[in-house]
């Protein structure tokens, strides 16, 4: 059950990131001058929170799935997930600050 919730969180984060990209392009052409990209920022921050939730669940429940030993490691995908979390949040904050120019 917990592994499915991790998979669901990661899939949701990808979906929210794609929605963020879609809304960015829509707002890029329809937003008035000086407007802010709030919808894009919302979806990007939501994607970052989903990545954090999935990685946190995996961190807590990792020993249920794999026996603890000296050779146990998390792997590169685990590190990439934790790197994606602050990058997605920073991207969302930048979208809030960003204003549309001419």
C-alpha atoms as a PDB file:
ATOM      1  CA  UNK A   1       0.000   0.000   0.000  1.00  0.00           C
ATOM      2  CA  UNK A   2       2.739   2.482   0.889  1.00  0.00           C
ATOM      3  CA  UNK A   3       4.638   1.777  -2.310  1.00  0.00           C
ATOM      4  CA  UNK A   4       1.517   2.534  -4.335  1.00  0.00           C
ATOM      5  CA  UNK A   5       1.087   5.812  -2.467  1.00  0.00           C
ATOM      6  CA  UNK A   6       4.706   6.743  -3.306  1.00  0.00           C
ATOM      7  CA  UNK A   7       4.064   5.909  -6.957  1.00  0.00           C
ATOM      8  CA  UNK A   8       0.850   7.938  -6.914  1.00  0.00           C
ATOM      9  CA  UNK A   9       2.601  10.960  -5.406  1.00  0.00           C
ATOM     10  CA  UNK A  10       5.341  10.856  -8.018  1.00  0.00           C
ATOM     11  CA  UNK A  11       2.825  10.499 -10.856  1.00  0.00           C
ATOM     12  CA  UNK A  12       0.817  13.403  -9.437  1.00  0.00           C
ATOM     13  CA  UNK A  13       3.959  15.514  -9.307  1.00  0.00           C
ATOM     14  CA  UNK A  14       4.641  14.820 -12.979  1.00  0.00           C
ATOM     15  CA  UNK A  15       1.039  15.677 -13.859  1.00  0.00           C
ATOM     16  CA  UNK A  16       1.197  18.930 -11.869  1.00  0.00           C
ATOM     17  CA  UNK A  17       4.505  19.843 -13.520  1.00  0.00           C
ATOM     18  CA  UNK A  18       3.026  19.297 -16.986  1.00  0.00           C
ATOM     19  CA  UNK A  19      -0.034  21.346 -16.004  1.00  0.00           C
ATOM     20  CA  UNK A  20       2.286  24.063 -14.764  1.00  0.00           C
ATOM     21  CA  UNK A  21       4.101  24.117 -18.082  1.00  0.00           C
ATOM     22  CA  UNK A  22       0.803  24.202 -19.984  1.00  0.00           C
ATOM     23  CA  UNK A  23      -0.542  27.075 -17.865  1.00  0.00           C
ATOM     24  CA  UNK A  24       2.723  28.946 -18.265  1.00  0.00           C
ATOM     25  CA  UNK A  25       2.390  28.901 -22.042  1.00  0.00           C
ATOM     26  CA  UNK A  26      -1.291  29.849 -21.831  1.00  0.00           C
ATOM     27  CA  UNK A  27      -0.591  32.721 -19.463  1.00  0.00           C
ATOM     28  CA  UNK A  28       2.404  33.812 -21.501  1.00  0.00           C
ATOM     29  CA  UNK A  29       0.121  34.685 -24.415  1.00  0.00           C
ATOM     30  CA  UNK A  30      -3.039  35.776 -22.566  1.00  0.00           C
ATOM     31  CA  UNK A  31      -1.772  37.549 -19.445  1.00  0.00           C
ATOM     32  CA  UNK A  32      -1.756  41.324 -19.409  1.00  0.00           C
ATOM     33  CA  UNK A  33       1.496  43.244 -19.132  1.00  0.00           C
ATOM     34  CA  UNK A  34       2.783  43.242 -15.568  1.00  0.00           C
ATOM     35  CA  UNK A  35       0.628  40.270 -14.562  1.00  0.00           C
ATOM     36  CA  UNK A  36       1.974  37.481 -12.399  1.00  0.00           C
ATOM     37  CA  UNK A  37       1.930  33.747 -13.107  1.00  0.00           C
ATOM     38  CA  UNK A  38      -0.067  32.656 -10.043  1.00  0.00           C
ATOM     39  CA  UNK A  39      -1.754  29.587 -11.566  1.00  0.00           C
ATOM     40  CA  UNK A  40       1.566  28.314 -12.887  1.00  0.00           C
ATOM     41  CA  UNK A  41       3.181  28.853  -9.497  1.00  0.00           C
ATOM     42  CA  UNK A  42       0.354  27.034  -7.725  1.00  0.00           C
ATOM     43  CA  UNK A  43       0.747  23.900  -9.828  1.00  0.00           C
ATOM     44  CA  UNK A  44       4.540  23.957  -9.568  1.00  0.00           C
ATOM     45  CA  UNK A  45       4.468  24.275  -5.772  1.00  0.00           C
ATOM     46  CA  UNK A  46       1.888  21.488  -5.644  1.00  0.00           C
ATOM     47  CA  UNK A  47       4.230  19.312  -7.720  1.00  0.00           C
ATOM     48  CA  UNK A  48       7.058  20.026  -5.285  1.00  0.00           C
ATOM     49  CA  UNK A  49       4.910  19.080  -2.304  1.00  0.00           C
ATOM     50  CA  UNK A  50       3.888  15.818  -3.987  1.00  0.00           C
ATOM     51  CA  UNK A  51       7.542  14.953  -4.602  1.00  0.00           C
ATOM     52  CA  UNK A  52       8.333  15.698  -0.967  1.00  0.00           C
ATOM     53  CA  UNK A  53       5.443  13.545   0.264  1.00  0.00           C
ATOM     54  CA  UNK A  54       6.415  10.611  -1.920  1.00  0.00           C
ATOM     55  CA  UNK A  55      10.084  10.781  -0.972  1.00  0.00           C
ATOM     56  CA  UNK A  56       9.238  11.145   2.722  1.00  0.00           C
ATOM     57  CA  UNK A  57       6.933   8.118   2.677  1.00  0.00           C
ATOM     58  CA  UNK A  58       9.619   6.100   0.907  1.00  0.00           C
ATOM     59  CA  UNK A  59      12.230   7.209   3.434  1.00  0.00           C
ATOM     60  CA  UNK A  60      10.140   6.104   6.389  1.00  0.00           C
ATOM     61  CA  UNK A  61       8.951   2.792   4.926  1.00  0.00           C
ATOM     62  CA  UNK A  62      12.109   1.768   3.032  1.00  0.00           C
ATOM     63  CA  UNK A  63      13.120  -0.817   5.634  1.00  0.00           C
ATOM     64  CA  UNK A  64       9.745  -2.611   5.260  1.00  0.00           C
ATOM     65  CA  UNK A  65      10.601  -3.390   1.666  1.00  0.00           C
ATOM     66  CA  UNK A  66      14.314  -4.141   1.858  1.00  0.00           C
ATOM     67  CA  UNK A  67      16.132  -5.895   4.673  1.00  0.00           C
ATOM     68  CA  UNK A  68      18.536  -3.642   6.550  1.00  0.00           C
ATOM     69  CA  UNK A  69      22.145  -4.601   5.930  1.00  0.00           C
ATOM     70  CA  UNK A  70      25.526  -2.975   5.407  1.00  0.00           C
ATOM     71  CA  UNK A  71      25.130  -2.957   1.609  1.00  0.00           C
ATOM     72  CA  UNK A  72      21.717  -1.251   1.588  1.00  0.00           C
ATOM     73  CA  UNK A  73      21.578   2.001  -0.368  1.00  0.00           C
ATOM     74  CA  UNK A  74      18.778   4.194  -1.639  1.00  0.00           C
ATOM     75  CA  UNK A  75      20.032   4.719  -5.179  1.00  0.00           C
ATOM     76  CA  UNK A  76      20.248   7.640  -7.563  1.00  0.00           C
ATOM     77  CA  UNK A  77      16.472   8.003  -8.130  1.00  0.00           C
ATOM     78  CA  UNK A  78      15.976   8.646  -4.433  1.00  0.00           C
ATOM     79  CA  UNK A  79      18.584  11.407  -4.520  1.00  0.00           C
ATOM     80  CA  UNK A  80      16.996  12.876  -7.646  1.00  0.00           C
ATOM     81  CA  UNK A  81      13.608  12.949  -5.920  1.00  0.00           C
ATOM     82  CA  UNK A  82      15.017  14.930  -2.985  1.00  0.00           C
ATOM     83  CA  UNK A  83      16.779  17.275  -5.415  1.00  0.00           C
ATOM     84  CA  UNK A  84      13.551  17.773  -7.369  1.00  0.00           C
ATOM     85  CA  UNK A  85      11.694  18.915  -4.257  1.00  0.00           C
ATOM     86  CA  UNK A  86      13.594  22.177  -3.566  1.00  0.00           C
ATOM     87  CA  UNK A  87      13.979  22.868  -7.279  1.00  0.00           C
ATOM     88  CA  UNK A  88      10.221  22.605  -7.851  1.00  0.00           C
ATOM     89  CA  UNK A  89       9.498  24.837  -4.862  1.00  0.00           C
ATOM     90  CA  UNK A  90      12.065  27.385  -6.011  1.00  0.00           C
ATOM     91  CA  UNK A  91      10.551  27.309  -9.489  1.00  0.00           C
ATOM     92  CA  UNK A  92       7.089  27.950  -8.024  1.00  0.00           C
ATOM     93  CA  UNK A  93       8.363  30.879  -5.961  1.00  0.00           C
ATOM     94  CA  UNK A  94      10.078  32.333  -9.018  1.00  0.00           C
ATOM     95  CA  UNK A  95       6.795  32.067 -10.939  1.00  0.00           C
ATOM     96  CA  UNK A  96       5.065  34.073  -8.187  1.00  0.00           C
ATOM     97  CA  UNK A  97       7.727  36.793  -8.405  1.00  0.00           C
ATOM     98  CA  UNK A  98       7.914  36.750 -12.213  1.00  0.00           C
ATOM     99  CA  UNK A  99       6.001  39.449 -14.095  1.00  0.00           C
ATOM    100  CA  UNK A 100       5.046  39.417 -17.739  1.00  0.00           C
ATOM    101  CA  UNK A 101       6.930  41.871 -19.933  1.00  0.00           C
ATOM    102  CA  UNK A 102       6.115  43.176 -23.357  1.00  0.00           C
END
